[in-house]
N, C-alpha and C. Protein backbone atom coordinates (compact mmCIF):
# COMPACT_ATOMS: atom_id res chain seq x y z
N MET A 1 11.58 -2.35 -28.27
CA MET A 1 10.81 -1.20 -27.85
C MET A 1 10.87 -1.08 -26.32
N ALA A 2 11.15 0.11 -25.85
CA ALA A 2 11.29 0.34 -24.41
C ALA A 2 9.94 0.37 -23.72
N ILE A 3 9.92 -0.05 -22.48
CA ILE A 3 8.70 0.00 -21.69
C ILE A 3 8.50 1.44 -21.21
N LYS A 4 7.31 1.96 -21.42
CA LYS A 4 7.02 3.35 -21.04
C LYS A 4 6.82 3.45 -19.53
N GLU A 5 7.37 4.50 -18.96
CA GLU A 5 7.19 4.79 -17.54
C GLU A 5 6.78 6.24 -17.38
N ARG A 6 5.95 6.51 -16.40
CA ARG A 6 5.51 7.86 -16.11
C ARG A 6 5.54 8.05 -14.59
N VAL A 7 5.69 9.31 -14.15
CA VAL A 7 5.60 9.65 -12.73
C VAL A 7 4.45 10.63 -12.58
N GLY A 8 3.55 10.34 -11.64
CA GLY A 8 2.38 11.20 -11.48
C GLY A 8 1.84 11.16 -10.07
N LEU A 9 0.72 11.84 -9.90
CA LEU A 9 0.08 12.00 -8.59
C LEU A 9 -1.22 11.19 -8.56
N VAL A 10 -1.43 10.45 -7.48
CA VAL A 10 -2.67 9.68 -7.34
C VAL A 10 -3.80 10.65 -7.02
N VAL A 11 -4.84 10.65 -7.86
CA VAL A 11 -5.97 11.55 -7.66
C VAL A 11 -7.22 10.81 -7.20
N SER A 12 -7.24 9.47 -7.34
CA SER A 12 -8.40 8.70 -6.88
C SER A 12 -7.95 7.28 -6.55
N ASN A 13 -8.49 6.74 -5.45
CA ASN A 13 -8.24 5.34 -5.10
C ASN A 13 -9.54 4.67 -4.67
N LYS A 14 -10.65 5.08 -5.25
CA LYS A 14 -11.97 4.59 -4.85
C LYS A 14 -12.24 3.17 -5.34
N MET A 15 -11.53 2.73 -6.39
CA MET A 15 -11.76 1.40 -6.95
C MET A 15 -10.89 0.37 -6.26
N GLN A 16 -11.27 -0.89 -6.38
CA GLN A 16 -10.49 -1.97 -5.78
C GLN A 16 -9.32 -2.29 -6.70
N LYS A 17 -8.11 -2.25 -6.15
CA LYS A 17 -6.87 -2.59 -6.85
C LYS A 17 -6.61 -1.68 -8.06
N THR A 18 -7.19 -0.50 -8.08
CA THR A 18 -6.99 0.44 -9.18
C THR A 18 -6.88 1.84 -8.62
N VAL A 19 -5.93 2.61 -9.15
CA VAL A 19 -5.80 4.02 -8.81
C VAL A 19 -5.80 4.83 -10.10
N VAL A 20 -6.21 6.09 -9.99
CA VAL A 20 -6.15 7.00 -11.13
C VAL A 20 -4.97 7.93 -10.86
N VAL A 21 -4.04 7.97 -11.83
CA VAL A 21 -2.81 8.75 -11.69
C VAL A 21 -2.83 9.87 -12.73
N ALA A 22 -2.66 11.11 -12.26
CA ALA A 22 -2.60 12.27 -13.14
C ALA A 22 -1.13 12.57 -13.43
N VAL A 23 -0.79 12.60 -14.72
CA VAL A 23 0.58 12.87 -15.15
C VAL A 23 0.60 14.20 -15.88
N GLU A 24 1.45 15.13 -15.40
CA GLU A 24 1.56 16.45 -16.02
C GLU A 24 2.68 16.48 -17.03
N ASN A 25 2.44 17.10 -18.17
CA ASN A 25 3.46 17.31 -19.18
C ASN A 25 3.56 18.81 -19.43
N ARG A 26 4.74 19.36 -19.17
CA ARG A 26 4.96 20.80 -19.38
C ARG A 26 5.80 20.96 -20.65
N ALA A 27 5.25 21.70 -21.62
CA ALA A 27 5.95 21.90 -22.88
C ALA A 27 5.61 23.29 -23.42
N PRO A 28 6.54 23.91 -24.14
CA PRO A 28 6.24 25.21 -24.72
C PRO A 28 5.23 25.10 -25.85
N HIS A 29 4.36 26.10 -25.94
CA HIS A 29 3.39 26.16 -27.02
C HIS A 29 4.16 26.31 -28.34
N PRO A 30 3.75 25.58 -29.39
CA PRO A 30 4.52 25.60 -30.62
C PRO A 30 4.64 26.98 -31.27
N LYS A 31 3.62 27.81 -31.13
CA LYS A 31 3.65 29.12 -31.77
C LYS A 31 4.06 30.23 -30.81
N TYR A 32 3.49 30.23 -29.61
CA TYR A 32 3.66 31.37 -28.70
C TYR A 32 4.78 31.20 -27.69
N GLY A 33 5.24 29.97 -27.47
CA GLY A 33 6.37 29.75 -26.59
C GLY A 33 6.05 29.68 -25.11
N LYS A 34 4.82 30.00 -24.71
CA LYS A 34 4.45 29.93 -23.30
C LYS A 34 4.41 28.47 -22.86
N ILE A 35 4.86 28.21 -21.63
CA ILE A 35 4.83 26.85 -21.09
C ILE A 35 3.38 26.48 -20.80
N VAL A 36 2.94 25.38 -21.41
CA VAL A 36 1.56 24.91 -21.27
C VAL A 36 1.59 23.59 -20.51
N VAL A 37 0.70 23.44 -19.54
CA VAL A 37 0.61 22.22 -18.75
C VAL A 37 -0.53 21.36 -19.29
N GLN A 38 -0.19 20.15 -19.71
CA GLN A 38 -1.19 19.20 -20.17
C GLN A 38 -1.24 18.06 -19.17
N THR A 39 -2.44 17.65 -18.76
CA THR A 39 -2.61 16.60 -17.77
C THR A 39 -3.32 15.42 -18.41
N ARG A 40 -2.74 14.22 -18.25
CA ARG A 40 -3.38 13.00 -18.68
C ARG A 40 -3.64 12.14 -17.46
N ARG A 41 -4.76 11.43 -17.47
CA ARG A 41 -5.12 10.57 -16.35
C ARG A 41 -5.04 9.12 -16.81
N TYR A 42 -4.30 8.32 -16.06
CA TYR A 42 -4.14 6.90 -16.37
C TYR A 42 -4.72 6.08 -15.24
N LYS A 43 -5.41 4.99 -15.57
CA LYS A 43 -5.84 4.01 -14.57
C LYS A 43 -4.72 2.99 -14.43
N ALA A 44 -4.27 2.78 -13.21
CA ALA A 44 -3.14 1.89 -12.96
C ALA A 44 -3.51 0.83 -11.93
N HIS A 45 -2.96 -0.36 -12.11
CA HIS A 45 -3.22 -1.48 -11.22
C HIS A 45 -2.37 -1.34 -9.95
N ASP A 46 -3.03 -1.44 -8.80
CA ASP A 46 -2.38 -1.35 -7.49
C ASP A 46 -2.77 -2.60 -6.70
N GLU A 47 -1.96 -3.64 -6.79
CA GLU A 47 -2.32 -4.95 -6.27
C GLU A 47 -2.63 -4.95 -4.78
N GLU A 48 -1.84 -4.23 -3.96
CA GLU A 48 -2.03 -4.26 -2.51
C GLU A 48 -2.90 -3.13 -1.98
N ASN A 49 -3.48 -2.32 -2.84
CA ASN A 49 -4.27 -1.16 -2.43
C ASN A 49 -3.47 -0.27 -1.46
N GLN A 50 -2.19 -0.05 -1.77
CA GLN A 50 -1.32 0.70 -0.86
C GLN A 50 -1.30 2.19 -1.16
N CYS A 51 -1.71 2.61 -2.35
CA CYS A 51 -1.63 4.02 -2.73
C CYS A 51 -2.78 4.82 -2.14
N LYS A 52 -2.45 6.00 -1.67
CA LYS A 52 -3.44 6.94 -1.14
C LYS A 52 -3.50 8.16 -2.05
N VAL A 53 -4.57 8.93 -1.94
CA VAL A 53 -4.69 10.17 -2.72
C VAL A 53 -3.58 11.12 -2.29
N GLY A 54 -2.86 11.66 -3.25
CA GLY A 54 -1.77 12.58 -2.96
C GLY A 54 -0.39 11.96 -3.05
N ASP A 55 -0.32 10.64 -3.16
CA ASP A 55 0.98 9.97 -3.30
C ASP A 55 1.56 10.23 -4.68
N ARG A 56 2.89 10.39 -4.74
CA ARG A 56 3.58 10.47 -6.03
C ARG A 56 4.07 9.06 -6.35
N VAL A 57 3.68 8.53 -7.51
CA VAL A 57 3.99 7.14 -7.86
C VAL A 57 4.62 7.05 -9.25
N ARG A 58 5.32 5.95 -9.48
CA ARG A 58 5.85 5.64 -10.81
C ARG A 58 4.98 4.52 -11.37
N ILE A 59 4.49 4.70 -12.60
CA ILE A 59 3.67 3.68 -13.25
C ILE A 59 4.38 3.20 -14.50
N GLN A 60 4.06 1.97 -14.90
CA GLN A 60 4.72 1.34 -16.02
C GLN A 60 3.65 0.71 -16.93
N GLU A 61 3.86 0.82 -18.23
CA GLU A 61 2.92 0.25 -19.19
C GLU A 61 2.96 -1.27 -19.12
N THR A 62 1.79 -1.89 -19.26
CA THR A 62 1.69 -3.34 -19.19
C THR A 62 0.61 -3.81 -20.17
N ARG A 63 0.37 -5.09 -20.20
CA ARG A 63 -0.69 -5.61 -21.07
C ARG A 63 -2.04 -5.10 -20.59
N PRO A 64 -3.07 -5.12 -21.45
CA PRO A 64 -4.39 -4.67 -21.00
C PRO A 64 -4.92 -5.55 -19.86
N LEU A 65 -5.26 -4.89 -18.74
CA LEU A 65 -5.79 -5.61 -17.58
C LEU A 65 -7.30 -5.52 -17.49
N SER A 66 -7.88 -4.50 -18.14
CA SER A 66 -9.32 -4.35 -18.23
C SER A 66 -9.60 -3.46 -19.43
N LYS A 67 -10.82 -2.98 -19.55
CA LYS A 67 -11.18 -2.15 -20.70
C LYS A 67 -10.34 -0.88 -20.78
N THR A 68 -10.06 -0.25 -19.66
CA THR A 68 -9.33 1.03 -19.66
C THR A 68 -8.01 0.99 -18.91
N LYS A 69 -7.65 -0.14 -18.29
CA LYS A 69 -6.46 -0.20 -17.44
C LYS A 69 -5.31 -0.87 -18.18
N ARG A 70 -4.26 -0.06 -18.49
CA ARG A 70 -3.09 -0.56 -19.20
C ARG A 70 -1.79 -0.23 -18.49
N TRP A 71 -1.84 0.20 -17.25
CA TRP A 71 -0.66 0.60 -16.50
C TRP A 71 -0.67 -0.09 -15.14
N GLN A 72 0.51 -0.21 -14.53
CA GLN A 72 0.60 -0.76 -13.17
C GLN A 72 1.55 0.09 -12.35
N VAL A 73 1.27 0.18 -11.06
CA VAL A 73 2.12 0.95 -10.14
C VAL A 73 3.35 0.11 -9.85
N THR A 74 4.54 0.69 -10.11
CA THR A 74 5.78 -0.04 -9.82
C THR A 74 6.37 0.36 -8.47
N GLU A 75 6.24 1.66 -8.10
CA GLU A 75 6.73 2.07 -6.79
C GLU A 75 6.06 3.36 -6.35
N VAL A 76 5.99 3.52 -5.03
CA VAL A 76 5.48 4.75 -4.43
C VAL A 76 6.70 5.59 -4.09
N LEU A 77 6.82 6.76 -4.73
CA LEU A 77 7.99 7.61 -4.54
C LEU A 77 7.88 8.45 -3.27
N ASN A 78 6.79 9.21 -3.14
CA ASN A 78 6.56 10.04 -1.96
C ASN A 78 5.17 9.72 -1.43
N ALA A 79 5.11 9.01 -0.32
CA ALA A 79 3.82 8.71 0.29
C ALA A 79 3.36 9.93 1.07
N LYS A 80 2.11 10.27 0.90
CA LYS A 80 1.54 11.40 1.64
C LYS A 80 1.32 10.97 3.08
N THR A 81 1.84 11.76 4.01
CA THR A 81 1.70 11.43 5.42
C THR A 81 0.45 12.07 5.97
N THR A 82 -0.24 11.34 6.83
CA THR A 82 -1.45 11.88 7.46
C THR A 82 -1.07 12.42 8.82
N THR A 83 -1.35 13.70 9.04
CA THR A 83 -1.02 14.32 10.33
C THR A 83 -2.25 14.89 10.99
């Protein structure tokens, strides 16, 4: 079985070593054909607290780390720059 990976946007980093990542899925509606955007939020482990709100990250499924945390951040794709 392949390890699941998702790419999403960090929407919260208020917790210690945990970020909330919003992953968008765009798919046509089964009956009407219009593209519908579905958003899922995953809690992911961020060991170094390096992710900021607005970063695009890749997350990977892992063993349960807490009650709701089953993903970990593998890499930061686009870090949001502060200007």
